[in-house]
Amino acid sequence: MEDQHHHPVPGDARKSRRRHKKSRHGCQYCKRRRIKCDEIKPVCSNCSRASVRCSYAPPGSRPEEAPDLGSRKKGRPRKNWTVVSVRRSATPPAEPTGPALTTPPSLTPASAESSGWCVEKPLHLPWDAEDLELFFHYLGEVCAGMGTDDTQLWRERVPRLAFRRHGVLHLLLASSALHLARKEPFRARLLEERAEMHLTIGLRRATEIMPCLSTENHAELYVSTILVCICSFAKQPGPRNLLVVAEGSEVAWMELFRGVRTIVETFGLSSVYSGELGASPADAQGGQQVVEVSRQHGDDQVSPGELSNHDPANINTGIGWEGALDRLSGLISSSTDEAARGACQSALGMMTWCFQDMFGTSARPKAAVDAKFSTVMAWTYCLSDEYISALRQKDPASLVLLAHYAVLLQTLDAVWFMRGWAAHVLRGVSEILGPAWSEWLQWPTLQISDTGALIPTEAPISQ
């Protein structure tokens, strides 16, 4: 009877293993993952499903590292997509293989686009439900709080551009994820990871098109730069991040900001605000203001009353900025570093205009603070390389000047991605300079601590 237990019984649940053909010449990804490759070229089925690069290495070569996609249950949607984000590298990304995204060999990218071909390279895995949620959240809430009063631009024209230029779409989703992370703290970690993935892809795309700037892509770079700045501001700043420099080096968004200056000076805003970004003459004229200021007053100090005032928006009790900047001018003049002195004087001239446009003057005070994003950012727009270098070298005069700029930043504290930056910059400057310079930081410290003197926390922000 014992022999019966050693013979297979018909219908037994245990079945013999099915024989299969081994893969001898699979791709590098499948070899790395130790899974069977169907050896379909140019892209095998496994790489196609995972949306990773498929490469068939010659015999004897070492398989390249494949991204760790992590483990998950079969049929369950992936929660963390950052593990498959596109890495920035010096080499260009692999060419698309789908027929709808392939440019004919005889056409250049520029001629292909003019001929109606889609030349947008795939930047991301297939969009999923979480991306749709982020886009819905952007349209419902984020686009109305982008720091400007032109909500039509961000609700209609920019999304229309994003559907053609996926780099812009990634940056829109990144900003939406960062905004949603603040509203739903229990999901903050996953949302911030997804935002980082979209930001990395969008930033890579923006830096790729910068060297080949043209009328075909200048609107994309212009909008991408604004979105990169918004995402950079929305992320929690590091301990040594002073907005324009961090840990002794220039922040990433400043390089793109210089690209915007090149766009405006080369093509003009009238060219940028055309096509899908078409705006009314009034909108374009409002944006042109920063450009004209940079051309007329970027290198010279501005005397009070040179520029007209704007309509008031918020209560203003007067902050005495003229006396504070006069004292600051004396400090800059006593600097022994000639290069730093010239750069700080130029930056002080631009700051003078910003304060005047925001608060008015003692002779012609404004009844309300005209908090405008374009006015505050005009100062960073016009910063010279010499001033940035002085900040990196921790020049005291340049740091004190940056602390006074924090007062302007405080007027934007109602904007979700600017919240807390003014106090952070002032605190960072104070830590670098130490107690010996506390007297020079008294005025900005008083203004920022007394928030009500600048702007109500829920006041509207003008463009």
Protein backbone atom coordinates (compact mmCIF):
# COMPACT_ATOMS: atom_id res chain seq x y z
CA MET A 1 0.00 0.00 0.00
CA GLU A 2 2.92 2.26 0.52
CA ASP A 3 3.72 2.13 -3.23
CA GLN A 4 0.46 3.91 -3.96
CA HIS A 5 1.77 7.01 -2.32
CA HIS A 6 4.79 7.11 -4.63
CA HIS A 7 2.92 6.97 -7.94
CA PRO A 8 1.13 9.98 -9.50
CA VAL A 9 -2.58 9.83 -9.12
CA PRO A 10 -4.69 10.90 -12.13
CA GLY A 11 -6.25 14.27 -11.54
CA ASP A 12 -3.72 15.20 -8.86
CA ALA A 13 -3.49 19.01 -8.34
CA ARG A 14 0.26 18.82 -8.70
CA LYS A 15 1.28 19.19 -12.34
CA SER A 16 4.62 18.81 -13.99
CA ARG A 17 6.44 22.04 -14.89
CA ARG A 18 5.78 23.19 -18.43
CA ARG A 19 8.84 23.31 -20.60
CA HIS A 20 9.75 26.69 -22.09
CA LYS A 21 12.35 28.16 -24.35
CA LYS A 22 15.14 30.00 -22.56
CA SER A 23 16.10 33.55 -23.52
CA ARG A 24 19.75 33.68 -24.49
CA HIS A 25 19.94 37.12 -26.09
CA GLY A 26 17.53 39.20 -24.01
CA CYS A 27 17.79 42.92 -23.38
CA GLN A 28 19.81 44.43 -20.55
CA TYR A 29 16.73 45.34 -18.51
CA CYS A 30 15.31 41.81 -18.52
CA LYS A 31 18.70 40.32 -17.68
CA ARG A 32 19.05 42.71 -14.79
CA ARG A 33 15.57 41.83 -13.48
CA ARG A 34 16.18 38.11 -14.21
CA ILE A 35 12.97 37.76 -16.14
CA LYS A 36 12.37 36.17 -19.50
CA CYS A 37 12.72 38.51 -22.48
CA ASP A 38 10.72 37.85 -25.65
CA GLU A 39 13.59 39.49 -27.59
CA ILE A 40 11.24 41.63 -29.69
CA LYS A 41 13.22 44.47 -31.26
CA PRO A 42 13.67 47.35 -30.96
CA VAL A 43 11.61 47.24 -27.71
CA CYS A 44 10.68 44.03 -25.93
CA SER A 45 7.30 43.58 -24.27
CA ASN A 46 8.64 43.91 -20.71
CA CYS A 47 10.36 47.24 -21.43
CA SER A 48 7.30 48.47 -23.28
CA ARG A 49 5.03 47.73 -20.30
CA ALA A 50 7.49 49.32 -17.84
CA SER A 51 8.20 52.29 -20.16
CA VAL A 52 11.95 51.96 -19.71
CA ARG A 53 14.74 52.09 -22.21
CA CYS A 54 15.26 48.77 -24.03
CA SER A 55 18.85 48.02 -25.02
CA TYR A 56 20.30 44.85 -26.48
CA ALA A 57 23.93 44.65 -25.40
CA PRO A 58 26.50 42.67 -27.41
CA PRO A 59 27.50 39.25 -25.99
CA GLY A 60 29.89 39.49 -23.08
CA SER A 61 28.99 43.05 -22.14
CA ARG A 62 27.81 43.96 -18.68
CA PRO A 63 24.09 44.74 -18.38
CA GLU A 64 23.38 48.33 -17.51
CA GLU A 65 21.63 49.21 -14.29
CA ALA A 66 17.88 49.07 -14.55
CA PRO A 67 15.67 51.19 -12.34
CA ASP A 68 14.37 49.46 -9.27
CA LEU A 69 10.64 49.43 -9.82
CA GLY A 70 9.97 47.93 -6.42
CA SER A 71 7.55 45.17 -5.61
CA ARG A 72 3.80 45.43 -5.80
CA LYS A 73 0.86 43.07 -5.95
CA LYS A 74 -0.30 41.95 -9.34
CA GLY A 75 -3.05 44.14 -10.74
CA ARG A 76 -2.53 46.92 -8.20
CA PRO A 77 -1.76 50.45 -9.44
CA ARG A 78 1.64 51.81 -8.50
CA LYS A 79 1.67 54.43 -5.75
CA ASN A 80 5.21 55.72 -6.10
CA TRP A 81 6.25 56.73 -9.61
CA THR A 82 9.42 58.52 -8.59
CA VAL A 83 11.41 55.30 -8.96
CA VAL A 84 10.79 55.39 -12.70
CA SER A 85 11.35 59.11 -13.24
CA VAL A 86 13.54 60.16 -16.09
CA ARG A 87 17.10 60.85 -14.98
CA ARG A 88 18.89 64.00 -16.06
CA SER A 89 22.03 63.17 -18.00
CA ALA A 90 24.43 64.72 -20.45
CA THR A 91 23.25 62.33 -23.19
CA PRO A 92 19.97 63.00 -25.00
CA PRO A 93 17.00 60.74 -24.24
CA ALA A 94 16.22 57.77 -26.46
CA GLU A 95 14.29 58.59 -29.58
CA PRO A 96 10.57 57.70 -29.52
CA THR A 97 9.62 54.49 -31.27
CA GLY A 98 5.87 54.89 -31.69
CA PRO A 99 4.73 55.80 -35.20
CA ALA A 100 2.74 58.82 -34.01
CA LEU A 101 5.80 60.33 -32.34
CA THR A 102 8.40 59.58 -35.01
CA THR A 103 9.86 62.31 -37.18
CA PRO A 104 10.71 61.34 -40.77
CA PRO A 105 14.48 61.05 -41.31
CA SER A 106 14.44 63.71 -44.00
CA LEU A 107 12.93 66.33 -41.72
CA THR A 108 14.59 68.41 -39.03
CA PRO A 109 12.64 68.98 -35.78
CA ALA A 110 11.81 72.55 -36.84
CA SER A 111 10.60 71.58 -40.31
CA ALA A 112 8.73 68.58 -38.93
CA GLU A 113 6.78 70.76 -36.53
CA SER A 114 5.91 73.25 -39.26
CA SER A 115 4.71 70.32 -41.41
CA GLY A 116 2.25 69.20 -38.76
CA TRP A 117 4.26 66.32 -37.30
CA CYS A 118 4.27 65.85 -33.54
CA VAL A 119 7.90 66.11 -32.48
CA GLU A 120 7.29 66.11 -28.74
CA LYS A 121 9.46 63.40 -27.16
CA PRO A 122 7.84 61.10 -24.60
CA LEU A 123 8.88 62.44 -21.21
CA HIS A 124 6.88 60.28 -18.88
CA LEU A 125 5.16 56.99 -18.33
CA PRO A 126 1.52 56.89 -19.47
CA TRP A 127 -0.52 59.45 -17.56
CA ASP A 128 -2.52 57.81 -14.80
CA ALA A 129 -5.48 58.60 -12.56
CA GLU A 130 -3.33 60.47 -10.05
CA ASP A 131 -2.12 62.82 -12.78
CA LEU A 132 -5.71 63.41 -13.83
CA GLU A 133 -6.55 64.24 -10.22
CA LEU A 134 -3.68 66.74 -10.14
CA PHE A 135 -4.81 68.36 -13.38
CA PHE A 136 -8.38 68.61 -12.07
CA HIS A 137 -7.06 70.17 -8.86
CA TYR A 138 -4.99 72.63 -10.88
CA LEU A 139 -8.01 73.81 -12.86
CA GLY A 140 -10.22 73.99 -9.78
CA GLU A 141 -7.94 75.73 -7.30
CA VAL A 142 -4.29 76.22 -8.24
CA CYS A 143 -4.69 78.32 -11.38
CA ALA A 144 -6.61 80.96 -9.41
CA GLY A 145 -3.72 81.41 -6.96
CA MET A 146 -0.71 81.76 -9.24
CA GLY A 147 0.18 85.19 -7.90
CA THR A 148 -1.41 87.17 -10.75
CA ASP A 149 -4.88 88.44 -11.50
CA ASP A 150 -4.87 87.02 -15.04
CA THR A 151 -6.66 83.78 -14.17
CA GLN A 152 -7.74 83.27 -17.78
CA LEU A 153 -4.09 82.90 -18.78
CA TRP A 154 -3.50 80.09 -16.28
CA ARG A 155 -6.91 78.43 -16.58
CA GLU A 156 -7.21 78.33 -20.38
CA ARG A 157 -4.20 79.44 -22.40
CA VAL A 158 -1.40 77.79 -20.42
CA PRO A 159 -3.16 74.37 -20.25
CA ARG A 160 -3.73 74.59 -24.00
CA LEU A 161 -0.01 75.14 -24.45
CA ALA A 162 0.74 72.28 -22.05
CA PHE A 163 -1.14 69.78 -24.23
CA ARG A 164 1.34 70.50 -27.04
CA ARG A 165 4.41 70.98 -24.85
CA HIS A 166 4.48 68.22 -22.28
CA GLY A 167 7.29 69.86 -20.33
CA VAL A 168 4.81 72.58 -19.36
CA LEU A 169 2.24 69.93 -18.45
CA HIS A 170 4.69 68.23 -16.11
CA LEU A 171 5.37 71.55 -14.37
CA LEU A 172 1.64 72.27 -14.04
CA LEU A 173 1.17 68.91 -12.35
CA ALA A 174 4.18 69.51 -10.11
CA SER A 175 2.75 72.81 -8.87
CA SER A 176 -0.65 71.17 -8.35
CA ALA A 177 0.89 68.31 -6.35
CA LEU A 178 2.75 70.74 -4.08
CA HIS A 179 -0.43 72.74 -3.52
CA LEU A 180 -2.46 69.62 -2.76
CA ALA A 181 0.23 68.38 -0.36
CA ARG A 182 -0.38 71.45 1.79
CA LYS A 183 -4.12 70.83 1.84
CA GLU A 184 -3.86 67.10 2.56
CA PRO A 185 -0.93 66.53 4.93
CA PHE A 186 -1.70 62.81 5.25
CA ARG A 187 -0.73 62.44 1.56
CA ALA A 188 2.05 65.00 1.63
CA ARG A 189 4.96 62.58 1.24
CA LEU A 190 3.58 60.79 -1.82
CA LEU A 191 2.41 64.05 -3.40
CA GLU A 192 5.79 65.68 -2.86
CA GLU A 193 7.51 62.68 -4.43
CA ARG A 194 5.27 62.92 -7.48
CA ALA A 195 5.83 66.67 -7.65
CA GLU A 196 9.59 66.08 -7.61
CA MET A 197 9.28 63.62 -10.48
CA HIS A 198 7.24 66.02 -12.62
CA LEU A 199 9.51 68.94 -11.71
CA THR A 200 12.63 66.98 -12.70
CA ILE A 201 11.19 66.09 -16.11
CA GLY A 202 9.85 69.60 -16.76
CA LEU A 203 13.09 71.25 -15.69
CA ARG A 204 15.08 68.92 -17.94
CA ARG A 205 12.90 69.86 -20.88
CA ALA A 206 13.29 73.59 -20.17
CA THR A 207 17.09 73.37 -19.97
CA GLU A 208 17.18 71.37 -23.20
CA ILE A 209 15.38 74.01 -25.26
CA MET A 210 17.22 76.99 -23.79
CA PRO A 211 20.30 76.70 -26.09
CA CYS A 212 18.07 76.52 -29.19
CA LEU A 213 15.70 79.36 -28.36
CA SER A 214 13.37 80.39 -31.20
CA THR A 215 9.91 81.73 -31.89
CA GLU A 216 8.69 78.14 -31.91
CA ASN A 217 9.57 77.48 -28.26
CA HIS A 218 10.03 80.84 -26.52
CA ALA A 219 6.49 80.78 -25.07
CA GLU A 220 7.15 77.30 -23.69
CA LEU A 221 10.37 78.42 -21.99
CA TYR A 222 8.70 81.59 -20.66
CA VAL A 223 5.85 79.68 -19.01
CA SER A 224 8.15 76.87 -17.87
CA THR A 225 10.39 79.34 -16.07
CA ILE A 226 7.47 80.83 -14.17
CA LEU A 227 6.29 77.36 -13.16
CA VAL A 228 9.78 76.26 -12.11
CA CYS A 229 10.01 79.36 -9.91
CA ILE A 230 6.62 78.61 -8.37
CA CYS A 231 7.58 75.01 -7.63
CA SER A 232 10.93 76.10 -6.20
CA PHE A 233 9.22 78.58 -3.90
CA ALA A 234 6.52 76.06 -2.91
CA LYS A 235 9.06 73.48 -1.73
CA GLN A 236 10.23 73.81 1.84
CA PRO A 237 13.42 75.92 1.79
CA GLY A 238 16.63 74.56 3.22
CA PRO A 239 18.40 76.19 6.15
CA ARG A 240 20.87 78.05 3.90
CA ASN A 241 18.48 78.83 1.06
CA LEU A 242 18.25 82.61 0.67
CA LEU A 243 15.90 82.50 -2.34
CA VAL A 244 18.49 83.54 -4.94
CA VAL A 245 21.46 81.61 -3.52
CA ALA A 246 21.64 78.39 -1.50
CA GLU A 247 24.61 76.82 0.26
CA GLY A 248 26.98 79.22 -1.45
CA SER A 249 25.75 78.51 -4.99
CA GLU A 250 23.13 79.95 -7.28
CA VAL A 251 19.69 78.32 -7.22
CA ALA A 252 18.53 76.45 -10.32
CA TRP A 253 15.63 78.72 -11.19
CA MET A 254 17.86 81.80 -11.51
CA GLU A 255 19.49 80.37 -14.65
CA LEU A 256 16.08 79.95 -16.25
CA PHE A 257 15.14 83.43 -15.07
CA ARG A 258 18.02 84.80 -17.12
CA GLY A 259 16.61 82.90 -20.06
CA VAL A 260 13.35 84.80 -19.67
CA ARG A 261 15.30 88.06 -19.79
CA THR A 262 16.87 86.90 -23.05
CA ILE A 263 13.44 86.00 -24.44
CA VAL A 264 11.94 89.37 -23.60
CA GLU A 265 14.90 91.37 -24.87
CA THR A 266 15.18 89.33 -28.08
CA PHE A 267 11.57 88.66 -29.05
CA GLY A 268 9.50 90.99 -26.86
CA LEU A 269 6.48 90.08 -24.76
CA SER A 270 4.17 90.82 -27.67
CA SER A 271 5.70 87.82 -29.42
CA VAL A 272 5.49 85.63 -26.31
CA TYR A 273 1.83 86.47 -25.75
CA SER A 274 0.71 85.25 -29.15
CA GLY A 275 -0.84 82.06 -30.41
CA GLU A 276 -1.94 79.91 -27.49
CA LEU A 277 -0.75 82.57 -25.05
CA GLY A 278 -2.58 85.32 -26.87
CA ALA A 279 -3.62 88.06 -24.44
CA SER A 280 -5.39 91.36 -24.60
CA PRO A 281 -3.26 94.49 -25.13
CA ALA A 282 -3.92 95.48 -21.52
CA ASP A 283 -2.49 92.20 -20.24
CA ALA A 284 0.59 92.47 -22.41
CA GLN A 285 1.14 96.06 -21.35
CA GLY A 286 1.02 95.02 -17.69
CA GLY A 287 3.69 92.41 -18.25
CA GLN A 288 5.82 94.83 -20.25
CA GLN A 289 6.18 97.03 -17.18
CA VAL A 290 8.91 94.88 -15.62
CA VAL A 291 10.83 94.88 -18.89
CA GLU A 292 10.74 98.64 -19.28
CA VAL A 293 11.84 99.10 -15.68
CA SER A 294 14.81 96.79 -16.21
CA ARG A 295 15.84 98.70 -19.33
CA GLN A 296 15.45 102.18 -17.88
CA HIS A 297 16.42 101.73 -14.23
CA GLY A 298 18.28 98.45 -13.97
CA ASP A 299 21.64 100.17 -13.51
CA ASP A 300 20.61 103.52 -12.05
CA GLN A 301 18.96 104.68 -8.87
CA VAL A 302 15.38 105.87 -9.25
CA SER A 303 14.29 109.17 -7.82
CA PRO A 304 10.82 109.40 -6.23
CA GLY A 305 7.95 110.31 -8.50
CA GLU A 306 9.45 109.07 -11.78
CA LEU A 307 6.81 106.38 -12.27
CA SER A 308 3.07 106.66 -11.90
CA ASN A 309 1.25 105.01 -9.02
CA HIS A 310 -1.16 102.08 -9.45
CA ASP A 311 -4.60 101.57 -8.03
CA PRO A 312 -4.52 100.78 -4.29
CA ALA A 313 -5.49 97.33 -3.08
CA ASN A 314 -4.71 96.95 0.63
CA ILE A 315 -4.46 99.02 3.79
CA ASN A 316 -1.11 100.77 4.31
CA THR A 317 -0.05 102.65 7.42
CA GLY A 318 3.37 103.73 6.09
CA ILE A 319 6.61 101.89 6.76
CA GLY A 320 9.27 104.58 6.33
CA TRP A 321 11.19 102.75 3.64
CA GLU A 322 12.96 105.86 2.30
CA GLY A 323 14.93 106.47 5.48
CA ALA A 324 15.85 102.78 5.72
CA LEU A 325 17.17 102.69 2.15
CA ASP A 326 19.08 105.95 2.67
CA ARG A 327 20.95 104.39 5.58
CA LEU A 328 21.53 101.30 3.48
CA SER A 329 22.98 103.47 0.71
CA GLY A 330 25.53 104.83 3.17
CA LEU A 331 26.55 101.32 4.17
CA ILE A 332 27.02 100.31 0.53
CA SER A 333 29.09 103.42 -0.23
CA SER A 334 31.51 102.56 2.58
CA SER A 335 32.20 99.10 1.12
CA THR A 336 35.86 98.51 0.23
CA ASP A 337 35.08 95.98 -2.51
CA GLU A 338 34.57 98.06 -5.64
CA ALA A 339 32.85 95.32 -7.65
CA ALA A 340 30.47 94.47 -4.80
CA ARG A 341 29.81 98.16 -4.18
CA GLY A 342 28.76 98.79 -7.80
CA ALA A 343 26.56 95.69 -7.88
CA CYS A 344 24.84 96.62 -4.61
CA GLN A 345 24.23 100.19 -5.75
CA SER A 346 22.57 98.91 -8.91
CA ALA A 347 20.44 96.47 -6.90
CA LEU A 348 19.53 99.25 -4.45
CA GLY A 349 18.36 101.43 -7.35
CA MET A 350 15.99 98.72 -8.51
CA MET A 351 14.80 98.11 -4.96
CA THR A 352 14.02 101.80 -4.59
CA TRP A 353 11.67 101.62 -7.56
CA CYS A 354 10.00 98.48 -6.17
CA PHE A 355 9.30 100.13 -2.81
CA GLN A 356 8.02 103.27 -4.49
CA ASP A 357 5.71 101.31 -6.77
CA MET A 358 4.43 99.28 -3.82
CA PHE A 359 4.08 101.89 -1.05
CA GLY A 360 4.43 105.28 -2.66
CA THR A 361 6.69 107.98 -1.16
CA SER A 362 6.56 110.25 1.86
CA ALA A 363 5.57 113.10 -0.45
CA ARG A 364 2.95 111.02 -2.26
CA PRO A 365 2.05 108.11 0.02
CA LYS A 366 -0.35 105.46 -1.14
CA ALA A 367 -3.49 104.87 0.83
CA ALA A 368 -3.06 101.12 0.33
CA VAL A 369 -0.33 98.63 -0.48
CA ASP A 370 -0.32 97.76 -4.17
CA ALA A 371 0.99 94.21 -3.75
CA LYS A 372 1.97 92.99 -7.19
CA PHE A 373 3.92 89.86 -8.01
CA SER A 374 5.56 91.52 -11.01
CA THR A 375 6.83 94.39 -8.86
CA VAL A 376 8.39 92.12 -6.24
CA MET A 377 9.99 89.79 -8.78
CA ALA A 378 11.29 92.72 -10.85
CA TRP A 379 14.15 93.05 -8.36
CA THR A 380 15.35 89.47 -8.86
CA TYR A 381 14.79 89.85 -12.60
CA CYS A 382 17.35 92.66 -12.74
CA LEU A 383 20.01 91.22 -10.42
CA SER A 384 23.48 91.20 -11.92
CA ASP A 385 25.98 88.36 -11.84
CA GLU A 386 28.25 90.54 -9.71
CA TYR A 387 25.59 90.90 -7.01
CA ILE A 388 24.91 87.14 -7.00
CA SER A 389 28.65 86.58 -6.66
CA ALA A 390 28.78 89.00 -3.72
CA LEU A 391 25.97 87.06 -2.01
CA ARG A 392 27.78 83.78 -2.55
CA GLN A 393 30.87 85.28 -0.93
CA LYS A 394 28.68 86.47 1.98
CA ASP A 395 29.45 90.15 1.47
CA PRO A 396 27.79 91.96 4.42
CA ALA A 397 26.35 94.86 2.40
CA SER A 398 24.77 92.54 -0.16
CA LEU A 399 23.26 90.41 2.62
CA VAL A 400 21.79 93.43 4.41
CA LEU A 401 20.32 94.53 1.09
CA LEU A 402 18.73 91.09 0.68
CA ALA A 403 17.26 91.39 4.19
CA HIS A 404 15.56 94.64 3.15
CA TYR A 405 14.18 92.87 0.08
CA ALA A 406 12.44 90.47 2.46
CA VAL A 407 10.06 93.33 3.32
CA LEU A 408 8.87 93.27 -0.29
CA LEU A 409 8.56 89.49 -0.15
CA GLN A 410 6.33 89.82 2.90
CA THR A 411 3.68 91.56 0.78
CA LEU A 412 3.27 88.27 -1.13
CA ASP A 413 2.84 86.13 1.97
CA ALA A 414 -0.82 85.58 1.08
CA VAL A 415 0.25 83.69 -2.06
CA TRP A 416 0.44 80.00 -1.14
CA PHE A 417 3.87 79.29 -2.66
CA MET A 418 5.47 82.43 -1.16
CA ARG A 419 4.20 81.91 2.38
CA GLY A 420 6.97 82.08 4.97
CA TRP A 421 9.77 83.05 2.58
CA ALA A 422 10.25 86.57 3.92
CA ALA A 423 10.85 85.42 7.48
CA HIS A 424 13.05 82.57 6.26
CA VAL A 425 15.32 84.86 4.22
CA LEU A 426 15.62 87.36 7.06
CA ARG A 427 16.43 84.60 9.53
CA GLY A 428 19.05 83.14 7.19
CA VAL A 429 20.77 86.51 6.70
CA SER A 430 20.77 87.10 10.46
CA GLU A 431 22.42 83.73 11.11
CA ILE A 432 25.16 84.42 8.57
CA LEU A 433 25.96 87.97 9.72
CA GLY A 434 25.70 87.32 13.44
CA PRO A 435 24.89 89.72 16.32
CA ALA A 436 27.39 92.36 15.13
CA TRP A 437 25.03 93.31 12.28
CA SER A 438 21.76 93.13 14.19
CA GLU A 439 21.38 96.93 14.13
CA TRP A 440 21.24 96.90 10.32
CA LEU A 441 18.48 94.28 10.41
CA GLN A 442 16.22 96.08 12.89
CA TRP A 443 14.05 97.80 10.28
CA PRO A 444 13.25 94.73 8.12
CA THR A 445 12.74 92.66 11.28
CA LEU A 446 10.22 95.19 12.60
CA GLN A 447 8.33 95.33 9.30
CA ILE A 448 8.10 91.57 8.87
CA SER A 449 7.11 90.92 12.47
CA ASP A 450 4.41 93.58 12.16
CA THR A 451 2.68 91.89 9.21
CA GLY A 452 -0.45 93.98 9.51
CA ALA A 453 1.46 97.10 8.54
CA LEU A 454 2.25 95.55 5.17
CA ILE A 455 -0.63 93.46 3.94
CA PRO A 456 -3.59 91.49 5.33
CA THR A 457 -3.08 87.74 5.26
CA GLU A 458 -6.01 87.16 2.89
CA ALA A 459 -5.66 90.26 0.72
CA PRO A 460 -5.86 89.92 -3.07
CA ILE A 461 -2.66 90.08 -5.05
CA SER A 462 -2.37 92.04 -8.28
CA GLN A 463 -0.28 91.06 -11.26
